[in-house]
């Protein structure tokens, strides 16, 4: 298995993997739009702007020997969060008449490199891929001159919380995103 920066050719696959997380989050957008609509909007946003939250340039992927993507991690410095969804919101409004923010709440803490999301295919879970993706993200955070890496874990996801604790993350705060309660965790790197 190898961990490497995602490429434009993997954009569709990594957006599809992200849908796993969106499904778990029960985002309000799905009360009005279909999964296909949202995936189309995300694809259009990343083709419009490399500043989009889920642009391949913000992702690292785990791939097997056959070059199949087994997992993805998206992240960015805290200072970038405020402008990441501009292209997406424009597309949602103009093409789908959806005039609310898909991600209305701030997720980052100051002075951190933020792990927006991490997901591994269901077939590849339990193989240490998440841990390897997080280690690679730590390197990327250091390259961005950040000494801290942060993430949010759903309070109901005890397995993920345990993984994060085992590799050195500590709880530093709480927040509510949508209808879910999260613990914000950080690790000094």
N, C-alpha and C. Protein backbone atom coordinates (compact mmCIF):
# COMPACT_ATOMS: atom_id res chain seq x y z
N UNK A 1 0.84 -1.18 0.00
CA UNK A 1 0.00 0.00 0.00
C UNK A 1 0.88 1.24 0.00
N UNK A 2 0.42 2.26 -0.70
CA UNK A 2 1.18 3.51 -0.75
C UNK A 2 0.24 4.67 -0.43
N UNK A 3 0.80 5.69 0.19
CA UNK A 3 0.08 6.94 0.48
C UNK A 3 0.72 8.00 -0.40
N UNK A 4 -0.12 8.74 -1.13
CA UNK A 4 0.41 9.77 -2.02
C UNK A 4 -0.62 10.87 -2.22
N UNK A 5 -0.19 12.01 -2.73
CA UNK A 5 -1.15 13.07 -3.06
C UNK A 5 -2.14 12.56 -4.10
N UNK A 6 -3.38 12.96 -3.95
CA UNK A 6 -4.40 12.60 -4.93
C UNK A 6 -4.14 13.35 -6.23
N UNK A 7 -4.65 12.79 -7.32
CA UNK A 7 -4.51 13.43 -8.63
C UNK A 7 -5.90 13.77 -9.16
N UNK A 8 -5.90 14.57 -10.19
CA UNK A 8 -7.16 14.94 -10.83
C UNK A 8 -7.93 13.72 -11.31
N UNK A 9 -7.24 12.67 -11.69
CA UNK A 9 -7.87 11.45 -12.18
C UNK A 9 -8.61 10.70 -11.07
N UNK A 10 -8.30 11.01 -9.82
CA UNK A 10 -8.95 10.35 -8.68
C UNK A 10 -10.06 11.19 -8.07
N UNK A 11 -10.28 12.38 -8.63
CA UNK A 11 -11.27 13.29 -8.05
C UNK A 11 -12.64 12.65 -7.88
N UNK A 12 -13.14 11.99 -8.89
CA UNK A 12 -14.48 11.38 -8.82
C UNK A 12 -14.53 10.29 -7.75
N UNK A 13 -13.51 9.47 -7.67
CA UNK A 13 -13.47 8.39 -6.69
C UNK A 13 -13.44 8.94 -5.27
N UNK A 14 -12.65 9.97 -5.04
CA UNK A 14 -12.55 10.49 -3.67
C UNK A 14 -13.81 11.25 -3.26
N UNK A 15 -14.47 11.89 -4.21
CA UNK A 15 -15.75 12.52 -3.89
C UNK A 15 -16.79 11.46 -3.55
N UNK A 16 -16.76 10.35 -4.25
CA UNK A 16 -17.68 9.25 -3.96
C UNK A 16 -17.42 8.68 -2.57
N UNK A 17 -16.16 8.56 -2.18
CA UNK A 17 -15.83 8.09 -0.83
C UNK A 17 -16.34 9.07 0.23
N UNK A 18 -16.24 10.36 -0.06
CA UNK A 18 -16.73 11.37 0.89
C UNK A 18 -18.22 11.22 1.17
N UNK A 19 -18.95 10.69 0.21
CA UNK A 19 -20.39 10.52 0.39
C UNK A 19 -20.69 9.64 1.60
N UNK A 20 -19.81 8.72 1.92
CA UNK A 20 -19.98 7.87 3.11
C UNK A 20 -20.10 8.74 4.36
N UNK A 21 -19.26 9.75 4.44
CA UNK A 21 -19.28 10.65 5.59
C UNK A 21 -20.53 11.52 5.56
N UNK A 22 -20.86 12.05 4.40
CA UNK A 22 -22.05 12.90 4.28
C UNK A 22 -23.30 12.14 4.70
N UNK A 23 -23.37 10.87 4.32
CA UNK A 23 -24.52 10.05 4.71
C UNK A 23 -24.61 9.94 6.23
N UNK A 24 -23.48 9.73 6.89
CA UNK A 24 -23.46 9.62 8.36
C UNK A 24 -23.82 10.94 9.03
N UNK A 25 -23.46 12.05 8.40
CA UNK A 25 -23.70 13.36 9.01
C UNK A 25 -25.16 13.79 8.93
N UNK A 26 -25.94 13.17 8.07
CA UNK A 26 -27.35 13.54 7.90
C UNK A 26 -27.50 15.05 7.66
N UNK A 27 -26.79 15.54 6.67
CA UNK A 27 -26.81 16.97 6.35
C UNK A 27 -28.18 17.42 5.87
N UNK A 28 -28.56 18.63 6.24
CA UNK A 28 -29.87 19.18 5.86
C UNK A 28 -30.05 19.30 4.36
N UNK A 29 -28.97 19.44 3.63
CA UNK A 29 -29.06 19.62 2.19
C UNK A 29 -29.82 18.47 1.53
N UNK A 30 -29.73 17.27 2.14
CA UNK A 30 -30.38 16.10 1.55
C UNK A 30 -31.89 16.07 1.79
N UNK A 31 -32.38 17.04 2.53
CA UNK A 31 -33.84 17.19 2.64
C UNK A 31 -34.41 17.78 1.35
N UNK A 32 -33.56 18.48 0.59
CA UNK A 32 -34.01 19.14 -0.63
C UNK A 32 -33.36 18.63 -1.91
N UNK A 33 -32.12 18.18 -1.81
CA UNK A 33 -31.39 17.73 -3.00
C UNK A 33 -31.04 16.25 -2.89
N UNK A 34 -30.87 15.62 -4.03
CA UNK A 34 -30.48 14.22 -4.05
C UNK A 34 -28.97 14.09 -3.88
N UNK A 35 -28.54 12.89 -3.57
CA UNK A 35 -27.10 12.60 -3.50
C UNK A 35 -26.45 12.94 -4.84
N UNK A 36 -27.11 12.59 -5.92
CA UNK A 36 -26.57 12.87 -7.26
C UNK A 36 -26.41 14.37 -7.49
N UNK A 37 -27.39 15.17 -7.03
CA UNK A 37 -27.29 16.63 -7.16
C UNK A 37 -26.08 17.16 -6.40
N UNK A 38 -25.91 16.71 -5.18
CA UNK A 38 -24.80 17.19 -4.34
C UNK A 38 -23.47 16.76 -4.93
N UNK A 39 -23.38 15.52 -5.38
CA UNK A 39 -22.13 15.05 -5.99
C UNK A 39 -21.81 15.86 -7.25
N UNK A 40 -22.83 16.18 -8.03
CA UNK A 40 -22.62 17.00 -9.22
C UNK A 40 -22.12 18.39 -8.83
N UNK A 41 -22.73 18.98 -7.81
CA UNK A 41 -22.31 20.30 -7.35
C UNK A 41 -20.87 20.27 -6.85
N UNK A 42 -20.52 19.25 -6.09
CA UNK A 42 -19.14 19.13 -5.60
C UNK A 42 -18.16 18.98 -6.76
N UNK A 43 -18.52 18.17 -7.75
CA UNK A 43 -17.64 17.99 -8.92
C UNK A 43 -17.46 19.29 -9.69
N UNK A 44 -18.55 20.02 -9.88
CA UNK A 44 -18.46 21.30 -10.57
C UNK A 44 -17.61 22.30 -9.77
N UNK A 45 -17.77 22.29 -8.46
CA UNK A 45 -17.01 23.23 -7.61
C UNK A 45 -15.51 22.96 -7.71
N UNK A 46 -15.11 21.70 -7.66
CA UNK A 46 -13.68 21.42 -7.74
C UNK A 46 -13.12 21.68 -9.13
N UNK A 47 -13.98 21.60 -10.16
CA UNK A 47 -13.49 21.94 -11.50
C UNK A 47 -13.38 23.46 -11.67
N UNK A 48 -14.15 24.22 -10.89
CA UNK A 48 -14.13 25.68 -10.95
C UNK A 48 -13.00 26.30 -10.14
N UNK A 49 -12.69 25.67 -8.99
CA UNK A 49 -11.76 26.32 -8.07
C UNK A 49 -10.93 25.32 -7.30
N UNK A 50 -9.61 25.54 -7.32
CA UNK A 50 -8.74 24.68 -6.51
C UNK A 50 -8.82 25.05 -5.03
N UNK A 51 -9.60 26.08 -4.71
CA UNK A 51 -9.83 26.44 -3.32
C UNK A 51 -11.03 25.72 -2.73
N UNK A 52 -11.62 24.79 -3.46
CA UNK A 52 -12.75 24.03 -2.95
C UNK A 52 -12.30 23.05 -1.87
N UNK A 53 -13.15 22.85 -0.90
CA UNK A 53 -12.87 21.98 0.25
C UNK A 53 -12.42 20.58 -0.17
N UNK A 54 -13.06 20.02 -1.19
CA UNK A 54 -12.77 18.64 -1.58
C UNK A 54 -12.03 18.54 -2.91
N UNK A 55 -11.24 19.56 -3.22
CA UNK A 55 -10.38 19.53 -4.40
C UNK A 55 -9.27 18.51 -4.15
N UNK A 56 -8.93 17.77 -5.18
CA UNK A 56 -7.92 16.71 -5.04
C UNK A 56 -6.60 17.21 -4.46
N UNK A 57 -6.28 18.48 -4.66
CA UNK A 57 -5.01 19.02 -4.16
C UNK A 57 -4.97 19.09 -2.63
N UNK A 58 -6.11 18.94 -1.98
CA UNK A 58 -6.18 18.94 -0.52
C UNK A 58 -6.23 17.52 0.04
N UNK A 59 -6.04 16.53 -0.82
CA UNK A 59 -6.24 15.14 -0.43
C UNK A 59 -4.97 14.30 -0.56
N UNK A 60 -4.88 13.34 0.34
CA UNK A 60 -3.92 12.26 0.23
C UNK A 60 -4.73 10.98 0.10
N UNK A 61 -4.24 10.06 -0.73
CA UNK A 61 -4.96 8.81 -0.92
C UNK A 61 -4.08 7.63 -0.54
N UNK A 62 -4.74 6.57 -0.09
CA UNK A 62 -4.09 5.28 0.14
C UNK A 62 -4.49 4.39 -1.03
N UNK A 63 -3.49 3.77 -1.67
CA UNK A 63 -3.76 2.93 -2.84
C UNK A 63 -3.09 1.57 -2.67
N UNK A 64 -3.75 0.55 -3.20
CA UNK A 64 -3.17 -0.79 -3.15
C UNK A 64 -2.25 -1.00 -4.35
N UNK A 65 -1.72 -2.21 -4.47
CA UNK A 65 -0.77 -2.51 -5.55
C UNK A 65 -1.40 -2.42 -6.94
N UNK A 66 -2.73 -2.55 -6.99
CA UNK A 66 -3.44 -2.43 -8.28
C UNK A 66 -3.82 -0.99 -8.57
N UNK A 67 -3.35 -0.06 -7.74
CA UNK A 67 -3.60 1.37 -7.90
C UNK A 67 -5.04 1.78 -7.61
N UNK A 68 -5.78 0.98 -6.85
CA UNK A 68 -7.14 1.32 -6.45
C UNK A 68 -7.09 2.16 -5.18
N UNK A 69 -7.91 3.18 -5.12
CA UNK A 69 -7.98 4.03 -3.94
C UNK A 69 -8.73 3.29 -2.84
N UNK A 70 -8.07 3.14 -1.70
CA UNK A 70 -8.65 2.46 -0.54
C UNK A 70 -9.12 3.44 0.53
N UNK A 71 -8.56 4.65 0.50
CA UNK A 71 -8.92 5.65 1.50
C UNK A 71 -8.45 7.02 1.08
N UNK A 72 -9.03 8.03 1.73
CA UNK A 72 -8.68 9.42 1.43
C UNK A 72 -8.75 10.24 2.72
N UNK A 73 -7.87 11.21 2.79
CA UNK A 73 -7.90 12.18 3.88
C UNK A 73 -7.80 13.57 3.25
N UNK A 74 -8.69 14.46 3.66
CA UNK A 74 -8.68 15.84 3.20
C UNK A 74 -8.29 16.73 4.38
N UNK A 75 -7.48 17.75 4.11
CA UNK A 75 -7.13 18.68 5.17
C UNK A 75 -6.56 19.97 4.62
N UNK A 76 -6.41 20.93 5.56
CA UNK A 76 -5.95 22.27 5.18
C UNK A 76 -5.63 23.07 6.44
N UNK A 77 -4.82 24.12 6.30
CA UNK A 77 -4.57 25.01 7.43
C UNK A 77 -5.85 25.74 7.84
N UNK A 78 -5.99 26.00 9.12
CA UNK A 78 -7.19 26.64 9.67
C UNK A 78 -7.58 27.92 8.96
N UNK A 79 -6.60 28.67 8.49
CA UNK A 79 -6.87 29.97 7.87
C UNK A 79 -7.58 29.86 6.53
N UNK A 80 -7.61 28.67 5.95
CA UNK A 80 -8.24 28.50 4.64
C UNK A 80 -9.73 28.18 4.72
N UNK A 81 -10.23 27.80 5.88
CA UNK A 81 -11.61 27.32 5.98
C UNK A 81 -12.64 28.33 5.48
N UNK A 82 -12.45 29.60 5.80
CA UNK A 82 -13.49 30.59 5.52
C UNK A 82 -13.83 30.77 4.05
N UNK A 83 -12.95 30.38 3.13
CA UNK A 83 -13.25 30.59 1.71
C UNK A 83 -13.37 29.28 0.91
N UNK A 84 -13.34 28.14 1.57
CA UNK A 84 -13.32 26.86 0.85
C UNK A 84 -14.61 26.51 0.11
N UNK A 85 -15.73 27.03 0.53
CA UNK A 85 -17.01 26.61 -0.03
C UNK A 85 -17.66 27.64 -0.95
N UNK A 86 -16.93 28.68 -1.32
CA UNK A 86 -17.52 29.72 -2.16
C UNK A 86 -18.01 29.18 -3.50
N UNK A 87 -17.18 28.43 -4.19
CA UNK A 87 -17.58 27.89 -5.50
C UNK A 87 -18.76 26.94 -5.34
N UNK A 88 -18.70 26.09 -4.34
CA UNK A 88 -19.80 25.14 -4.10
C UNK A 88 -21.10 25.87 -3.83
N UNK A 89 -21.07 26.86 -2.99
CA UNK A 89 -22.30 27.58 -2.65
C UNK A 89 -22.88 28.31 -3.85
N UNK A 90 -22.01 28.84 -4.68
CA UNK A 90 -22.47 29.50 -5.90
C UNK A 90 -23.18 28.51 -6.82
N UNK A 91 -22.61 27.34 -6.98
CA UNK A 91 -23.22 26.31 -7.83
C UNK A 91 -24.54 25.83 -7.22
N UNK A 92 -24.55 25.59 -5.92
CA UNK A 92 -25.79 25.14 -5.27
C UNK A 92 -26.91 26.16 -5.47
N UNK A 93 -26.58 27.43 -5.36
CA UNK A 93 -27.59 28.48 -5.52
C UNK A 93 -28.02 28.62 -6.98
N UNK A 94 -27.06 28.74 -7.88
CA UNK A 94 -27.36 29.01 -9.28
C UNK A 94 -27.99 27.83 -10.02
N UNK A 95 -27.47 26.65 -9.78
CA UNK A 95 -27.93 25.48 -10.55
C UNK A 95 -29.06 24.72 -9.87
N UNK A 96 -29.05 24.72 -8.51
CA UNK A 96 -30.01 23.89 -7.78
C UNK A 96 -30.96 24.70 -6.89
N UNK A 97 -30.87 26.02 -6.95
CA UNK A 97 -31.71 26.91 -6.13
C UNK A 97 -31.66 26.57 -4.65
N UNK A 98 -30.49 26.17 -4.20
CA UNK A 98 -30.28 25.87 -2.77
C UNK A 98 -29.47 27.02 -2.20
N UNK A 99 -30.08 27.79 -1.30
CA UNK A 99 -29.48 29.05 -0.85
C UNK A 99 -29.00 29.02 0.60
N UNK A 100 -28.74 27.85 1.13
CA UNK A 100 -28.14 27.74 2.46
C UNK A 100 -26.76 27.11 2.32
N UNK A 101 -25.94 27.29 3.32
CA UNK A 101 -24.60 26.71 3.29
C UNK A 101 -24.68 25.21 3.55
N UNK A 102 -23.95 24.44 2.75
CA UNK A 102 -23.90 23.00 2.97
C UNK A 102 -23.21 22.71 4.30
N UNK A 103 -22.18 23.48 4.61
CA UNK A 103 -21.44 23.35 5.87
C UNK A 103 -21.49 24.69 6.59
N UNK A 104 -22.56 24.97 7.33
CA UNK A 104 -22.74 26.30 7.91
C UNK A 104 -21.86 26.59 9.13
N UNK A 105 -21.33 25.56 9.78
CA UNK A 105 -20.60 25.75 11.03
C UNK A 105 -19.09 25.69 10.81
N UNK A 106 -18.36 26.52 11.52
CA UNK A 106 -16.90 26.44 11.50
C UNK A 106 -16.48 25.17 12.24
N UNK A 107 -15.50 24.48 11.67
CA UNK A 107 -15.05 23.21 12.24
C UNK A 107 -13.65 23.27 12.81
N UNK A 108 -12.90 24.32 12.50
CA UNK A 108 -11.49 24.37 12.86
C UNK A 108 -11.26 25.15 14.15
N UNK A 109 -10.12 24.88 14.76
CA UNK A 109 -9.63 25.68 15.88
C UNK A 109 -8.43 26.46 15.34
N UNK A 110 -8.11 27.56 16.01
CA UNK A 110 -7.01 28.41 15.55
C UNK A 110 -5.67 27.68 15.59
N UNK A 111 -4.83 28.05 14.65
CA UNK A 111 -3.44 27.61 14.58
C UNK A 111 -3.27 26.10 14.46
N UNK A 112 -4.11 25.47 13.66
CA UNK A 112 -3.97 24.04 13.44
C UNK A 112 -4.07 23.72 11.96
N UNK A 113 -3.56 22.58 11.58
CA UNK A 113 -3.82 22.00 10.27
C UNK A 113 -4.97 21.05 10.53
N UNK A 114 -6.06 21.28 9.82
CA UNK A 114 -7.31 20.60 10.14
C UNK A 114 -7.57 19.41 9.20
N UNK A 115 -7.85 18.27 9.79
CA UNK A 115 -8.28 17.09 9.04
C UNK A 115 -9.78 17.23 8.85
N UNK A 116 -10.18 17.63 7.66
CA UNK A 116 -11.59 17.82 7.36
C UNK A 116 -12.33 16.48 7.37
N UNK A 117 -11.70 15.47 6.78
CA UNK A 117 -12.36 14.16 6.72
C UNK A 117 -11.33 13.09 6.41
N UNK A 118 -11.66 11.91 6.86
CA UNK A 118 -10.86 10.72 6.56
C UNK A 118 -11.85 9.57 6.39
N UNK A 119 -11.70 8.84 5.31
CA UNK A 119 -12.59 7.70 5.05
C UNK A 119 -11.83 6.61 4.32
N UNK A 120 -12.12 5.38 4.72
CA UNK A 120 -11.53 4.20 4.12
C UNK A 120 -12.67 3.35 3.58
N UNK A 121 -12.47 2.73 2.43
CA UNK A 121 -13.51 1.88 1.87
C UNK A 121 -13.89 0.79 2.87
N UNK A 122 -15.13 0.37 2.83
CA UNK A 122 -15.60 -0.64 3.79
C UNK A 122 -14.78 -1.93 3.69
N UNK A 123 -14.36 -2.29 2.49
CA UNK A 123 -13.57 -3.52 2.30
C UNK A 123 -12.17 -3.42 2.90
N UNK A 124 -11.64 -2.22 3.05
CA UNK A 124 -10.26 -2.06 3.50
C UNK A 124 -10.15 -1.63 4.97
N UNK A 125 -11.25 -1.49 5.66
CA UNK A 125 -11.19 -1.07 7.06
C UNK A 125 -10.53 -2.14 7.93
N UNK A 126 -9.90 -1.67 9.00
CA UNK A 126 -9.24 -2.58 9.93
C UNK A 126 -7.85 -2.99 9.51
N UNK A 127 -7.30 -2.36 8.48
CA UNK A 127 -5.97 -2.72 7.97
C UNK A 127 -4.91 -1.66 8.29
N UNK A 128 -5.25 -0.69 9.13
CA UNK A 128 -4.29 0.35 9.50
C UNK A 128 -4.17 1.48 8.50
N UNK A 129 -5.05 1.54 7.54
CA UNK A 129 -4.97 2.57 6.50
C UNK A 129 -5.24 3.95 7.08
N UNK A 130 -6.23 4.06 7.95
CA UNK A 130 -6.52 5.35 8.58
C UNK A 130 -5.32 5.90 9.34
N UNK A 131 -4.65 5.04 10.05
CA UNK A 131 -3.46 5.45 10.81
C UNK A 131 -2.36 5.95 9.87
N UNK A 132 -2.17 5.26 8.75
CA UNK A 132 -1.15 5.67 7.78
C UNK A 132 -1.52 7.00 7.11
N UNK A 133 -2.80 7.17 6.81
CA UNK A 133 -3.24 8.45 6.23
C UNK A 133 -3.01 9.59 7.22
N UNK A 134 -3.29 9.36 8.49
CA UNK A 134 -3.08 10.40 9.50
C UNK A 134 -1.60 10.74 9.65
N UNK A 135 -0.73 9.74 9.59
CA UNK A 135 0.71 9.99 9.67
C UNK A 135 1.18 10.83 8.49
N UNK A 136 0.65 10.55 7.31
CA UNK A 136 1.00 11.34 6.12
C UNK A 136 0.46 12.76 6.25
N UNK A 137 -0.72 12.90 6.85
CA UNK A 137 -1.30 14.24 7.05
C UNK A 137 -0.45 15.05 8.02
N UNK A 138 0.13 14.40 9.01
CA UNK A 138 1.02 15.11 9.94
C UNK A 138 2.20 15.71 9.18
N UNK A 139 2.75 14.97 8.25
CA UNK A 139 3.87 15.49 7.44
C UNK A 139 3.41 16.70 6.62
N UNK A 140 2.22 16.59 6.05
CA UNK A 140 1.70 17.71 5.26
C UNK A 140 1.47 18.93 6.15
N UNK A 141 1.01 18.71 7.36
CA UNK A 141 0.80 19.81 8.31
C UNK A 141 2.13 20.51 8.62
N UNK A 142 3.16 19.73 8.83
CA UNK A 142 4.48 20.31 9.10
C UNK A 142 4.97 21.14 7.91
N UNK A 143 4.70 20.65 6.70
CA UNK A 143 5.07 21.40 5.50
C UNK A 143 4.32 22.73 5.42
N UNK A 144 3.16 22.81 6.07
CA UNK A 144 2.37 24.05 6.13
C UNK A 144 2.72 24.88 7.35
N UNK A 145 3.82 24.54 8.00
CA UNK A 145 4.32 25.25 9.18
C UNK A 145 3.32 25.24 10.33
N UNK A 146 2.62 24.15 10.50
CA UNK A 146 1.71 23.99 11.63
C UNK A 146 2.34 23.01 12.61
N UNK A 147 2.20 23.30 13.88
CA UNK A 147 2.72 22.43 14.93
C UNK A 147 1.64 21.57 15.55
N UNK A 148 0.41 21.80 15.13
CA UNK A 148 -0.73 21.08 15.68
C UNK A 148 -1.62 20.61 14.54
N UNK A 149 -2.11 19.39 14.67
CA UNK A 149 -3.08 18.85 13.74
C UNK A 149 -4.36 18.61 14.53
N UNK A 150 -5.51 18.97 13.94
CA UNK A 150 -6.78 18.84 14.65
C UNK A 150 -7.83 18.14 13.80
N UNK A 151 -8.82 17.61 14.48
CA UNK A 151 -9.94 16.95 13.80
C UNK A 151 -11.14 16.90 14.74
N UNK A 152 -12.28 16.60 14.17
CA UNK A 152 -13.50 16.41 14.96
C UNK A 152 -13.93 14.96 14.83
N UNK A 153 -14.38 14.40 15.94
CA UNK A 153 -14.89 13.04 15.92
C UNK A 153 -16.29 13.04 16.51
N UNK A 154 -17.21 12.42 15.80
CA UNK A 154 -18.59 12.30 16.25
C UNK A 154 -18.59 11.56 17.59
N UNK A 155 -19.31 12.09 18.56
CA UNK A 155 -19.34 11.48 19.89
C UNK A 155 -19.82 10.04 19.86
N UNK A 156 -20.56 9.66 18.84
CA UNK A 156 -21.05 8.28 18.74
C UNK A 156 -20.05 7.34 18.07
N UNK A 157 -18.96 7.87 17.53
CA UNK A 157 -17.97 7.06 16.84
C UNK A 157 -16.82 6.72 17.79
N UNK A 158 -17.08 5.82 18.70
CA UNK A 158 -16.09 5.47 19.72
C UNK A 158 -14.86 4.78 19.13
N UNK A 159 -15.05 4.04 18.07
CA UNK A 159 -13.91 3.35 17.44
C UNK A 159 -12.90 4.37 16.89
N UNK A 160 -13.40 5.39 16.21
CA UNK A 160 -12.50 6.42 15.68
C UNK A 160 -11.83 7.19 16.81
N UNK A 161 -12.61 7.53 17.84
CA UNK A 161 -12.02 8.27 18.97
C UNK A 161 -10.87 7.48 19.60
N UNK A 162 -11.07 6.18 19.74
CA UNK A 162 -10.03 5.33 20.33
C UNK A 162 -8.77 5.32 19.45
N UNK A 163 -8.96 5.23 18.13
CA UNK A 163 -7.82 5.29 17.21
C UNK A 163 -7.06 6.59 17.41
N UNK A 164 -7.77 7.71 17.42
CA UNK A 164 -7.12 9.00 17.56
C UNK A 164 -6.38 9.12 18.89
N UNK A 165 -6.98 8.66 19.96
CA UNK A 165 -6.32 8.70 21.26
C UNK A 165 -5.06 7.84 21.27
N UNK A 166 -5.14 6.68 20.63
CA UNK A 166 -3.99 5.76 20.61
C UNK A 166 -2.79 6.33 19.85
N UNK A 167 -3.04 7.26 18.95
CA UNK A 167 -1.90 7.84 18.21
C UNK A 167 -1.56 9.25 18.70
N UNK A 168 -2.10 9.63 19.85
CA UNK A 168 -1.65 10.86 20.50
C UNK A 168 -2.57 12.05 20.47
N UNK A 169 -3.77 11.92 19.92
CA UNK A 169 -4.71 13.05 19.93
C UNK A 169 -5.35 13.17 21.30
N UNK A 170 -5.59 14.42 21.70
CA UNK A 170 -6.23 14.71 22.98
C UNK A 170 -7.45 15.60 22.76
N UNK A 171 -8.47 15.38 23.56
CA UNK A 171 -9.68 16.20 23.48
C UNK A 171 -9.38 17.60 23.95
N UNK A 172 -9.80 18.60 23.15
CA UNK A 172 -9.54 19.99 23.50
C UNK A 172 -10.80 20.86 23.45
N UNK A 173 -11.92 20.29 23.03
CA UNK A 173 -13.14 21.09 22.95
C UNK A 173 -14.29 20.28 22.40
N UNK A 174 -15.45 20.93 22.39
CA UNK A 174 -16.66 20.28 21.92
C UNK A 174 -17.38 21.23 20.97
N UNK A 175 -18.08 20.69 20.01
CA UNK A 175 -18.91 21.50 19.14
C UNK A 175 -20.04 20.67 18.56
N UNK A 176 -21.02 21.39 18.07
CA UNK A 176 -22.15 20.76 17.41
C UNK A 176 -22.11 21.17 15.95
N UNK A 177 -22.13 20.19 15.09
CA UNK A 177 -22.14 20.42 13.64
C UNK A 177 -23.40 19.76 13.11
N UNK A 178 -24.29 20.56 12.56
CA UNK A 178 -25.57 20.01 12.14
C UNK A 178 -26.31 19.48 13.35
N UNK A 179 -26.70 18.24 13.28
CA UNK A 179 -27.46 17.61 14.38
C UNK A 179 -26.59 16.71 15.24
N UNK A 180 -25.27 16.75 15.07
CA UNK A 180 -24.38 15.84 15.78
C UNK A 180 -23.44 16.60 16.73
N UNK A 181 -23.14 15.95 17.84
CA UNK A 181 -22.16 16.49 18.79
C UNK A 181 -20.80 15.85 18.50
N UNK A 182 -19.78 16.71 18.52
CA UNK A 182 -18.43 16.27 18.19
C UNK A 182 -17.46 16.70 19.29
N UNK A 183 -16.39 15.93 19.41
CA UNK A 183 -15.27 16.30 20.25
C UNK A 183 -14.15 16.73 19.31
N UNK A 184 -13.59 17.91 19.59
CA UNK A 184 -12.44 18.38 18.80
C UNK A 184 -11.19 17.84 19.48
N UNK A 185 -10.35 17.21 18.69
CA UNK A 185 -9.12 16.62 19.21
C UNK A 185 -7.93 17.21 18.47
N UNK A 186 -6.83 17.33 19.18
CA UNK A 186 -5.61 17.84 18.57
C UNK A 186 -4.41 16.99 18.99
N UNK A 187 -3.38 17.08 18.15
CA UNK A 187 -2.12 16.43 18.44
C UNK A 187 -1.00 17.39 18.08
N UNK A 188 -0.08 17.58 19.00
CA UNK A 188 1.09 18.40 18.74
C UNK A 188 2.05 17.53 17.95
N UNK A 189 2.55 18.07 16.83
CA UNK A 189 3.42 17.27 15.96
C UNK A 189 4.83 17.85 15.88
